[in-house]
Amino acid sequence: MDSMQTWLAPVASLFGPYVPRVLGALAIFVVAFVVARLVRAGLSRIAARAGIDDRLHSPGLSASLAQIGYGLVWLLALPALLGTLELEGLLNPVNAMMSRLMGFVPNLVGAVVVLAIGLLVARIVRQLVTGLLSAAGSERLAERIGLASSLGKDGLAGVAGNIVFALLMLPTAVAALQPLGLDAVTQPLSRLLETVINLIPKLLSAAVLVGLAALIGRALASLVSALLAGMGVNRLHETLKLGAPLRLAGREPSELAGIAVLVACLMVAITQACEVLGLPVLTAMVATLGSALVRIGIGLVVFAVGAILATLAARAIEGSQTANPPLASLMVRSAILFFAAALALHQAGLPPEIITIAFGAVVGGIAIGLAVAIGVGGRHVAGRVLERVEASFAGGAGPTGREAAAPRGLAGGNDAGPQG
């Protein structure tokens, strides 16, 4: 017994002061564990009853909030646990962190409150704007100017409401971040907010320009379509004897001309809108695109006029007494279409050098082909004709009688005999 006391005395003197500390730390650990689990369960149940996941469209948000509450309980219990164990080396940094955290909590709460109020106000304003615009007939206006299909299911009212919501949330985010002292985030957002505020009048002006251009363009398109339809442009295929009517994407020529007028009005308005917004690169790009479309349109008109003239000329030749009318009409039609295509490509903006080289090569090839065909295949006939011409010049008078009849027969391409 004395030997056991002698052995336990040093052990008790060594570990005796730590036993109350360890027991106290265990008690704090158990209490913190129980409280943390209760807090997590309570937050999960409250969030499930409130339907936070469904209302905010964020699955798993309630579980994340419950886990945050669980961690905060342990964070608050950590200084007491370390203080009971008298671990000063760990306790001092934790106390410093907790003091800074406690000083940051009021700012965080204020930021959350500001963000929540701003979000609530922005949602209410969005609903008001959407409802007012819908009641005022914004969807009928979108259909009238041809924007209903491009605005999606929300329509013009929904798009305007979302724009207002974003404009309200931007200053709300800046006001919510300022109490947190996050200058690296708030300063860029503040500059962005100033830029957006300065841009709003320009955006409104650009939208008014495009809207007016769409209304004017639709009116002009209807007028042009009606005029061209009255002039018989839709029956042009009957005049040209093309058989099938001229249609593109199921639209008649008068409708296509109206669409071209509408596109021209919109391009001019978009160019002016980009200039109002102060976007020189976009302005130059839209202006270049509009100029190219105009040149292509003029080229198509030139080629269409050439096709009409070629058809009329070919029809006039077919009804005349010209020798071999089908061949003559085909040659005239081809020549007119050839030069009309050259003019159309020039108006479309193709470089003149390319047009000159291409069409010169075609004309030269045709000339060389005819020369080879006459020189190789018809050299005997050409020789006899040249001999008669030479004989007529040598005799001092033109060919008469049978001599005149033979060349005419050869030139006309028939076998008619000489006339009396």
Protein backbone atom coordinates (compact mmCIF):
# COMPACT_ATOMS: atom_id res chain seq x y z
CA MET A 1 0.00 0.00 0.00
CA ASP A 2 2.77 2.40 0.85
CA SER A 3 4.53 1.51 -2.37
CA MET A 4 1.37 2.25 -4.40
CA GLN A 5 0.96 5.62 -2.71
CA THR A 6 4.59 6.28 -3.33
CA TRP A 7 4.04 5.51 -7.05
CA LEU A 8 0.76 7.46 -7.36
CA ALA A 9 1.97 10.58 -5.62
CA PRO A 10 4.24 11.72 -8.48
CA VAL A 11 1.57 10.83 -11.04
CA ALA A 12 -1.06 12.80 -9.13
CA SER A 13 1.29 15.73 -8.73
CA LEU A 14 2.04 15.61 -12.47
CA PHE A 15 -1.48 15.10 -13.94
CA GLY A 16 -3.61 16.38 -11.08
CA PRO A 17 -3.80 20.03 -12.27
CA TYR A 18 -4.89 18.92 -15.78
CA VAL A 19 -7.78 16.68 -14.75
CA PRO A 20 -10.25 19.54 -13.99
CA ARG A 21 -9.24 21.25 -17.20
CA VAL A 22 -9.80 18.13 -19.27
CA LEU A 23 -13.13 17.46 -17.58
CA GLY A 24 -14.25 21.04 -18.16
CA ALA A 25 -13.15 20.85 -21.80
CA LEU A 26 -15.10 17.61 -22.23
CA ALA A 27 -18.17 19.23 -20.71
CA ILE A 28 -17.88 22.21 -23.07
CA PHE A 29 -17.34 19.86 -26.02
CA VAL A 30 -20.45 17.83 -25.20
CA VAL A 31 -22.58 20.94 -24.71
CA ALA A 32 -21.28 22.49 -27.95
CA PHE A 33 -21.91 19.24 -29.82
CA VAL A 34 -25.50 19.01 -28.58
CA VAL A 35 -26.23 22.69 -29.19
CA ALA A 36 -24.69 22.59 -32.69
CA ARG A 37 -26.81 19.60 -33.70
CA LEU A 38 -29.94 21.22 -32.28
CA VAL A 39 -29.19 24.44 -34.18
CA ARG A 40 -28.63 22.54 -37.42
CA ALA A 41 -31.82 20.55 -37.03
CA GLY A 42 -33.80 23.67 -36.10
CA LEU A 43 -32.52 25.66 -39.06
CA SER A 44 -33.24 22.79 -41.44
CA ARG A 45 -36.80 22.46 -40.16
CA ILE A 46 -37.44 26.21 -40.31
CA ALA A 47 -36.04 26.47 -43.83
CA ALA A 48 -38.11 23.46 -44.96
CA ARG A 49 -41.33 24.99 -43.57
CA ALA A 50 -40.55 28.36 -45.15
CA GLY A 51 -39.81 26.72 -48.52
CA ILE A 52 -36.60 28.71 -49.04
CA ASP A 53 -35.30 26.35 -51.73
CA ASP A 54 -38.45 26.69 -53.87
CA ARG A 55 -38.91 30.43 -53.34
CA LEU A 56 -35.33 31.33 -54.19
CA HIS A 57 -35.00 28.59 -56.85
CA SER A 58 -31.84 27.33 -55.12
CA PRO A 59 -31.93 23.60 -54.27
CA GLY A 60 -29.80 22.76 -51.22
CA LEU A 61 -29.80 26.30 -49.79
CA SER A 62 -31.56 25.27 -46.58
CA ALA A 63 -28.99 22.52 -45.94
CA SER A 64 -26.17 25.02 -46.49
CA LEU A 65 -27.71 27.48 -44.01
CA ALA A 66 -28.11 24.71 -41.42
CA GLN A 67 -24.48 23.70 -41.87
CA ILE A 68 -23.38 27.34 -41.44
CA GLY A 69 -25.28 27.53 -38.14
CA TYR A 70 -23.64 24.28 -37.03
CA GLY A 71 -20.18 25.70 -37.75
CA LEU A 72 -20.91 29.01 -35.99
CA VAL A 73 -21.79 27.18 -32.76
CA TRP A 74 -18.45 25.39 -32.83
CA LEU A 75 -16.67 28.62 -33.65
CA LEU A 76 -18.21 30.33 -30.62
CA ALA A 77 -17.39 27.38 -28.36
CA LEU A 78 -13.76 27.19 -29.50
CA PRO A 79 -12.42 30.09 -27.30
CA ALA A 80 -14.07 28.64 -24.19
CA LEU A 81 -12.67 25.21 -24.98
CA LEU A 82 -9.14 26.52 -25.46
CA GLY A 83 -9.43 28.79 -22.39
CA THR A 84 -10.42 25.84 -20.21
CA LEU A 85 -7.40 23.92 -21.39
CA GLU A 86 -5.25 27.07 -20.86
CA LEU A 87 -3.68 26.75 -24.31
CA GLU A 88 -2.58 30.36 -24.55
CA GLY A 89 -0.62 29.83 -27.78
CA LEU A 90 -3.81 28.87 -29.61
CA LEU A 91 -6.22 30.99 -27.57
CA ASN A 92 -4.71 34.39 -28.41
CA PRO A 93 -5.03 34.05 -32.24
CA VAL A 94 -8.52 32.65 -31.86
CA ASN A 95 -9.55 35.55 -29.58
CA ALA A 96 -8.14 38.03 -32.08
CA MET A 97 -10.03 36.34 -34.90
CA MET A 98 -13.25 36.27 -32.87
CA SER A 99 -12.96 39.94 -31.97
CA ARG A 100 -12.54 40.86 -35.64
CA LEU A 101 -15.40 38.54 -36.57
CA MET A 102 -17.67 40.08 -33.96
CA GLY A 103 -16.80 43.52 -35.32
CA PHE A 104 -17.58 42.33 -38.85
CA VAL A 105 -20.91 40.72 -37.99
CA PRO A 106 -22.90 44.00 -37.66
CA ASN A 107 -21.61 45.14 -41.07
CA LEU A 108 -22.51 41.78 -42.55
CA VAL A 109 -25.99 41.93 -41.05
CA GLY A 110 -26.42 45.45 -42.41
CA ALA A 111 -25.30 44.35 -45.87
CA VAL A 112 -27.72 41.42 -45.83
CA VAL A 113 -30.57 43.69 -44.73
CA VAL A 114 -29.80 46.24 -47.47
CA LEU A 115 -29.54 43.50 -50.08
CA ALA A 116 -32.80 41.89 -48.95
CA ILE A 117 -34.69 45.21 -49.00
CA GLY A 118 -33.26 46.11 -52.39
CA LEU A 119 -34.16 42.69 -53.79
CA LEU A 120 -37.71 43.00 -52.48
CA VAL A 121 -38.14 46.50 -53.91
CA ALA A 122 -36.65 45.48 -57.27
CA ARG A 123 -39.01 42.50 -57.56
CA ILE A 124 -42.03 44.64 -56.70
CA VAL A 125 -41.03 47.30 -59.24
CA ARG A 126 -40.45 44.62 -61.89
CA GLN A 127 -43.93 43.23 -61.34
CA LEU A 128 -45.44 46.72 -61.52
CA VAL A 129 -43.60 47.60 -64.74
CA THR A 130 -44.51 44.28 -66.35
CA GLY A 131 -48.16 44.60 -65.38
CA LEU A 132 -48.48 48.22 -66.50
CA LEU A 133 -46.83 47.60 -69.87
CA SER A 134 -48.95 44.50 -70.47
CA ALA A 135 -52.11 46.44 -69.63
CA ALA A 136 -51.00 49.28 -71.93
CA GLY A 137 -50.74 46.91 -74.91
CA SER A 138 -47.00 46.38 -75.15
CA GLU A 139 -47.44 42.94 -76.71
CA ARG A 140 -49.64 44.33 -79.50
CA LEU A 141 -46.99 46.98 -80.13
CA ALA A 142 -44.30 44.27 -80.33
CA GLU A 143 -46.38 42.34 -82.87
CA ARG A 144 -46.98 45.50 -84.89
CA ILE A 145 -43.28 46.30 -85.21
CA GLY A 146 -42.38 42.65 -85.82
CA LEU A 147 -40.48 41.94 -82.57
CA ALA A 148 -42.91 39.52 -80.90
CA SER A 149 -41.11 36.36 -82.03
CA SER A 150 -37.65 37.61 -81.02
CA LEU A 151 -38.59 38.66 -77.45
CA GLY A 152 -39.36 35.15 -76.21
CA LYS A 153 -42.13 34.05 -73.89
CA ASP A 154 -41.77 37.05 -71.56
CA GLY A 155 -42.61 39.51 -74.32
CA LEU A 156 -41.80 43.20 -74.42
CA ALA A 157 -43.22 43.80 -70.93
CA GLY A 158 -41.11 41.02 -69.40
CA VAL A 159 -37.94 42.29 -71.07
CA ALA A 160 -38.59 45.84 -69.83
CA GLY A 161 -39.29 44.51 -66.32
CA ASN A 162 -36.03 42.54 -66.26
CA ILE A 163 -34.10 45.62 -67.41
CA VAL A 164 -35.63 47.69 -64.60
CA PHE A 165 -34.85 44.90 -62.10
CA ALA A 166 -31.18 44.84 -63.17
CA LEU A 167 -30.93 48.64 -63.00
CA LEU A 168 -32.28 48.61 -59.44
CA MET A 169 -30.12 45.71 -58.28
CA LEU A 170 -26.89 47.38 -59.40
CA PRO A 171 -27.06 50.30 -56.90
CA THR A 172 -28.42 47.89 -54.28
CA ALA A 173 -25.31 45.72 -54.64
CA VAL A 174 -23.06 48.78 -54.33
CA ALA A 175 -24.89 49.95 -51.17
CA ALA A 176 -24.77 46.45 -49.66
CA LEU A 177 -21.02 46.05 -50.21
CA GLN A 178 -20.01 49.46 -48.87
CA PRO A 179 -20.53 48.57 -45.15
CA LEU A 180 -18.27 45.55 -45.61
CA GLY A 181 -15.34 47.76 -46.59
CA LEU A 182 -14.64 45.82 -49.79
CA ASP A 183 -13.20 48.72 -51.77
CA ALA A 184 -11.70 46.42 -54.39
CA VAL A 185 -15.25 45.37 -55.30
CA THR A 186 -17.27 48.50 -54.59
CA GLN A 187 -15.09 50.90 -56.61
CA PRO A 188 -15.47 49.04 -59.96
CA LEU A 189 -19.17 48.60 -59.27
CA SER A 190 -19.52 52.32 -58.50
CA ARG A 191 -17.82 53.21 -61.78
CA LEU A 192 -20.03 50.73 -63.60
CA LEU A 193 -23.09 52.28 -61.97
CA GLU A 194 -22.03 55.77 -63.11
CA THR A 195 -21.46 54.49 -66.63
CA VAL A 196 -24.88 52.83 -66.73
CA ILE A 197 -26.60 55.96 -65.38
CA ASN A 198 -24.91 58.07 -68.05
CA LEU A 199 -25.82 55.50 -70.69
CA ILE A 200 -29.53 55.31 -69.87
CA PRO A 201 -30.54 58.52 -71.77
CA LYS A 202 -28.54 57.37 -74.79
CA LEU A 203 -30.18 53.96 -74.67
CA LEU A 204 -33.62 55.52 -74.52
CA SER A 205 -32.80 57.77 -77.47
CA ALA A 206 -31.48 54.83 -79.49
CA ALA A 207 -34.56 52.75 -78.65
CA VAL A 208 -36.86 55.60 -79.74
CA LEU A 209 -34.93 55.94 -83.01
CA VAL A 210 -35.16 52.23 -83.80
CA GLY A 211 -38.83 52.10 -82.79
CA LEU A 212 -39.79 55.04 -85.00
CA ALA A 213 -37.76 53.60 -87.88
CA ALA A 214 -39.58 50.27 -87.49
CA LEU A 215 -42.99 51.99 -87.60
CA ILE A 216 -42.05 54.18 -90.57
CA GLY A 217 -40.40 51.23 -92.33
CA ARG A 218 -43.50 49.05 -91.97
CA ALA A 219 -45.70 51.84 -93.34
CA LEU A 220 -43.36 52.39 -96.30
CA ALA A 221 -43.07 48.64 -96.87
CA SER A 222 -46.86 48.28 -97.05
CA LEU A 223 -47.07 51.25 -99.43
CA VAL A 224 -44.32 49.93 -101.73
CA SER A 225 -45.80 46.43 -101.74
CA ALA A 226 -49.24 47.77 -102.64
CA LEU A 227 -47.84 50.01 -105.43
CA LEU A 228 -45.76 47.24 -106.97
CA ALA A 229 -48.63 44.76 -106.74
CA GLY A 230 -50.87 47.28 -108.51
CA MET A 231 -48.24 47.78 -111.22
CA GLY A 232 -48.32 44.05 -111.95
CA VAL A 233 -44.90 43.09 -110.60
CA ASN A 234 -46.33 39.89 -109.14
CA ARG A 235 -47.47 38.88 -112.67
CA LEU A 236 -44.03 39.48 -114.15
CA HIS A 237 -43.55 35.75 -114.69
CA GLU A 238 -46.50 35.81 -117.09
CA THR A 239 -44.94 38.67 -119.04
CA LEU A 240 -41.60 36.90 -119.23
CA LYS A 241 -43.26 33.53 -119.87
CA LEU A 242 -41.32 31.85 -117.07
CA GLY A 243 -44.07 29.42 -116.21
CA ALA A 244 -43.65 29.30 -112.41
CA PRO A 245 -44.31 32.48 -110.39
CA LEU A 246 -41.36 34.39 -108.99
CA ARG A 247 -41.27 33.59 -105.26
CA LEU A 248 -38.60 33.57 -102.58
CA ALA A 249 -39.31 31.90 -99.23
CA GLY A 250 -43.00 31.89 -100.16
CA ARG A 251 -43.14 35.68 -100.73
CA GLU A 252 -44.07 37.50 -103.90
CA PRO A 253 -41.79 40.13 -105.51
CA SER A 254 -43.87 43.03 -104.14
CA GLU A 255 -43.56 41.66 -100.59
CA LEU A 256 -39.80 41.18 -101.04
CA ALA A 257 -39.49 44.80 -102.17
CA GLY A 258 -41.40 45.92 -99.06
CA ILE A 259 -39.10 43.86 -96.84
CA ALA A 260 -36.09 45.48 -98.53
CA VAL A 261 -37.52 48.93 -97.76
CA LEU A 262 -38.10 47.94 -94.12
CA VAL A 263 -34.54 46.59 -93.79
CA ALA A 264 -33.15 49.79 -95.32
CA CYS A 265 -35.04 51.95 -92.79
CA LEU A 266 -33.87 49.77 -89.89
CA MET A 267 -30.26 49.83 -91.06
CA VAL A 268 -30.27 53.64 -91.21
CA ALA A 269 -31.86 53.82 -87.75
CA ILE A 270 -29.42 51.30 -86.25
CA THR A 271 -26.50 53.26 -87.68
CA GLN A 272 -27.78 56.47 -86.07
CA ALA A 273 -28.49 54.62 -82.80
CA CYS A 274 -24.91 53.31 -82.65
CA GLU A 275 -23.66 56.84 -83.26
CA VAL A 276 -25.85 58.14 -80.42
CA LEU A 277 -24.47 55.44 -78.11
CA GLY A 278 -20.93 56.51 -78.95
CA LEU A 279 -19.80 53.21 -80.46
CA PRO A 280 -17.67 54.21 -83.47
CA VAL A 281 -16.54 50.69 -84.36
CA LEU A 282 -20.09 49.33 -84.36
CA THR A 283 -21.30 52.40 -86.27
CA ALA A 284 -18.69 51.87 -88.99
CA MET A 285 -19.50 48.15 -89.18
CA VAL A 286 -23.25 48.72 -89.52
CA ALA A 287 -22.70 51.50 -92.08
CA THR A 288 -20.44 49.24 -94.14
CA LEU A 289 -22.96 46.41 -93.99
CA GLY A 290 -25.78 48.75 -95.03
CA SER A 291 -23.75 50.09 -97.95
CA ALA A 292 -22.96 46.56 -99.11
CA LEU A 293 -26.64 45.57 -98.92
CA VAL A 294 -27.64 48.65 -100.93
CA ARG A 295 -25.09 47.88 -103.64
CA ILE A 296 -26.23 44.27 -103.83
CA GLY A 297 -29.85 45.41 -104.09
CA ILE A 298 -29.00 47.80 -106.93
CA GLY A 299 -27.13 45.01 -108.70
CA LEU A 300 -30.15 42.71 -108.44
CA VAL A 301 -32.40 45.44 -109.82
CA VAL A 302 -30.01 46.04 -112.74
CA PHE A 303 -29.90 42.34 -113.56
CA ALA A 304 -33.71 42.07 -113.32
CA VAL A 305 -34.11 45.01 -115.72
CA GLY A 306 -31.59 43.38 -118.07
CA ALA A 307 -33.53 40.11 -117.94
CA ILE A 308 -36.75 41.94 -118.82
CA LEU A 309 -35.11 43.78 -121.71
CA ALA A 310 -33.53 40.54 -122.97
CA THR A 311 -36.90 38.78 -122.93
CA LEU A 312 -38.65 41.65 -124.73
CA ALA A 313 -35.91 41.87 -127.38
CA ALA A 314 -35.95 38.10 -127.94
CA ARG A 315 -39.73 38.15 -128.29
CA ALA A 316 -39.55 41.02 -130.80
CA ILE A 317 -36.97 39.13 -132.90
CA GLU A 318 -39.00 35.91 -132.81
CA GLY A 319 -42.00 37.80 -134.21
CA SER A 320 -40.03 39.43 -137.02
CA GLN A 321 -39.10 38.16 -140.49
CA THR A 322 -35.42 37.68 -139.57
CA ALA A 323 -33.69 34.62 -140.98
CA ASN A 324 -33.51 31.83 -138.38
CA PRO A 325 -35.41 33.75 -135.59
CA PRO A 326 -34.76 31.21 -132.76
CA LEU A 327 -30.98 31.45 -133.19
CA ALA A 328 -31.05 35.25 -133.49
CA SER A 329 -33.27 35.66 -130.43
CA LEU A 330 -31.03 33.34 -128.40
CA MET A 331 -27.94 35.33 -129.39
CA VAL A 332 -29.58 38.67 -128.55
CA ARG A 333 -30.90 37.38 -125.20
CA SER A 334 -27.48 35.98 -124.28
CA ALA A 335 -25.69 39.23 -125.21
CA ILE A 336 -28.07 41.41 -123.17
CA LEU A 337 -27.90 39.09 -120.15
CA PHE A 338 -24.11 39.02 -120.50
CA PHE A 339 -23.75 42.79 -120.27
CA ALA A 340 -26.49 43.07 -117.64
CA ALA A 341 -24.59 40.60 -115.45
CA ALA A 342 -21.42 42.66 -115.88
CA LEU A 343 -23.22 45.87 -114.85
CA ALA A 344 -24.90 44.10 -111.92
CA LEU A 345 -21.60 42.76 -110.59
CA HIS A 346 -20.05 46.20 -110.93
CA GLN A 347 -22.92 47.79 -108.99
CA ALA A 348 -22.64 45.06 -106.34
CA GLY A 349 -19.14 46.28 -105.55
CA LEU A 350 -16.99 43.70 -107.30
CA PRO A 351 -13.65 45.26 -108.33
CA PRO A 352 -13.73 46.49 -111.97
CA GLU A 353 -10.46 44.71 -112.77
CA ILE A 354 -11.95 41.32 -111.95
CA ILE A 355 -15.06 42.05 -114.03
CA THR A 356 -12.99 43.26 -116.98
CA ILE A 357 -10.69 40.24 -116.89
CA ALA A 358 -13.54 37.73 -116.48
CA PHE A 359 -15.81 39.10 -119.18
CA GLY A 360 -12.87 39.85 -121.51
CA ALA A 361 -11.81 36.24 -121.16
CA VAL A 362 -15.34 35.05 -121.98
CA VAL A 363 -15.64 37.31 -125.06
CA GLY A 364 -12.14 36.35 -126.22
CA GLY A 365 -12.91 32.67 -125.79
CA ILE A 366 -16.10 32.96 -127.82
CA ALA A 367 -14.28 34.89 -130.56
CA ILE A 368 -11.46 32.36 -130.72
CA GLY A 369 -13.97 29.49 -130.78
CA LEU A 370 -15.89 31.05 -133.69
CA ALA A 371 -12.65 31.74 -135.55
CA VAL A 372 -11.47 28.17 -135.12
CA ALA A 373 -14.88 26.77 -136.08
CA ILE A 374 -15.08 28.88 -139.26
CA GLY A 375 -11.42 28.43 -140.18
CA VAL A 376 -11.35 24.66 -139.68
CA GLY A 377 -14.87 23.44 -140.33
CA GLY A 378 -16.08 25.98 -142.94
CA ARG A 379 -12.88 26.94 -144.72
CA HIS A 380 -14.12 25.69 -148.13
CA VAL A 381 -17.33 27.73 -147.99
CA ALA A 382 -15.47 30.77 -146.68
CA GLY A 383 -12.94 30.41 -149.54
CA ARG A 384 -15.66 30.38 -152.21
CA VAL A 385 -17.32 33.44 -150.68
CA LEU A 386 -14.02 35.33 -150.62
CA GLU A 387 -13.34 34.40 -154.26
CA ARG A 388 -16.71 35.79 -155.34
CA VAL A 389 -16.10 38.99 -153.36
CA GLU A 390 -12.68 39.37 -154.98
CA ALA A 391 -14.15 38.75 -158.43
CA SER A 392 -16.85 41.38 -157.82
CA PHE A 393 -14.23 43.97 -156.89
CA ALA A 394 -12.08 43.04 -159.88
CA GLY A 395 -15.04 43.35 -162.32
CA GLY A 396 -16.03 46.76 -160.92
CA ALA A 397 -19.61 45.75 -160.18
CA GLY A 398 -21.42 43.79 -157.54
CA PRO A 399 -22.46 40.21 -158.06
CA THR A 400 -25.69 39.71 -159.91
CA GLY A 401 -27.96 36.89 -160.89
CA ARG A 402 -26.84 33.48 -159.86
CA GLU A 403 -23.64 34.81 -158.24
CA ALA A 404 -25.65 37.02 -155.85
CA ALA A 405 -28.14 34.31 -155.06
CA ALA A 406 -25.56 31.73 -153.99
CA PRO A 407 -23.95 33.78 -151.19
CA ARG A 408 -27.37 34.82 -149.88
CA GLY A 409 -28.37 31.24 -149.73
CA LEU A 410 -25.22 30.36 -147.86
CA ALA A 411 -25.54 33.32 -145.47
CA GLY A 412 -29.20 32.69 -144.73
CA GLY A 413 -28.60 29.10 -143.87
CA ASN A 414 -31.18 27.69 -146.37
CA ASP A 415 -31.09 25.90 -149.69
CA ALA A 416 -33.37 28.21 -151.65
CA GLY A 417 -32.46 28.52 -155.34
CA PRO A 418 -31.64 31.75 -157.17
CA GLN A 419 -34.48 34.02 -158.13
CA GLY A 420 -35.11 35.09 -161.72
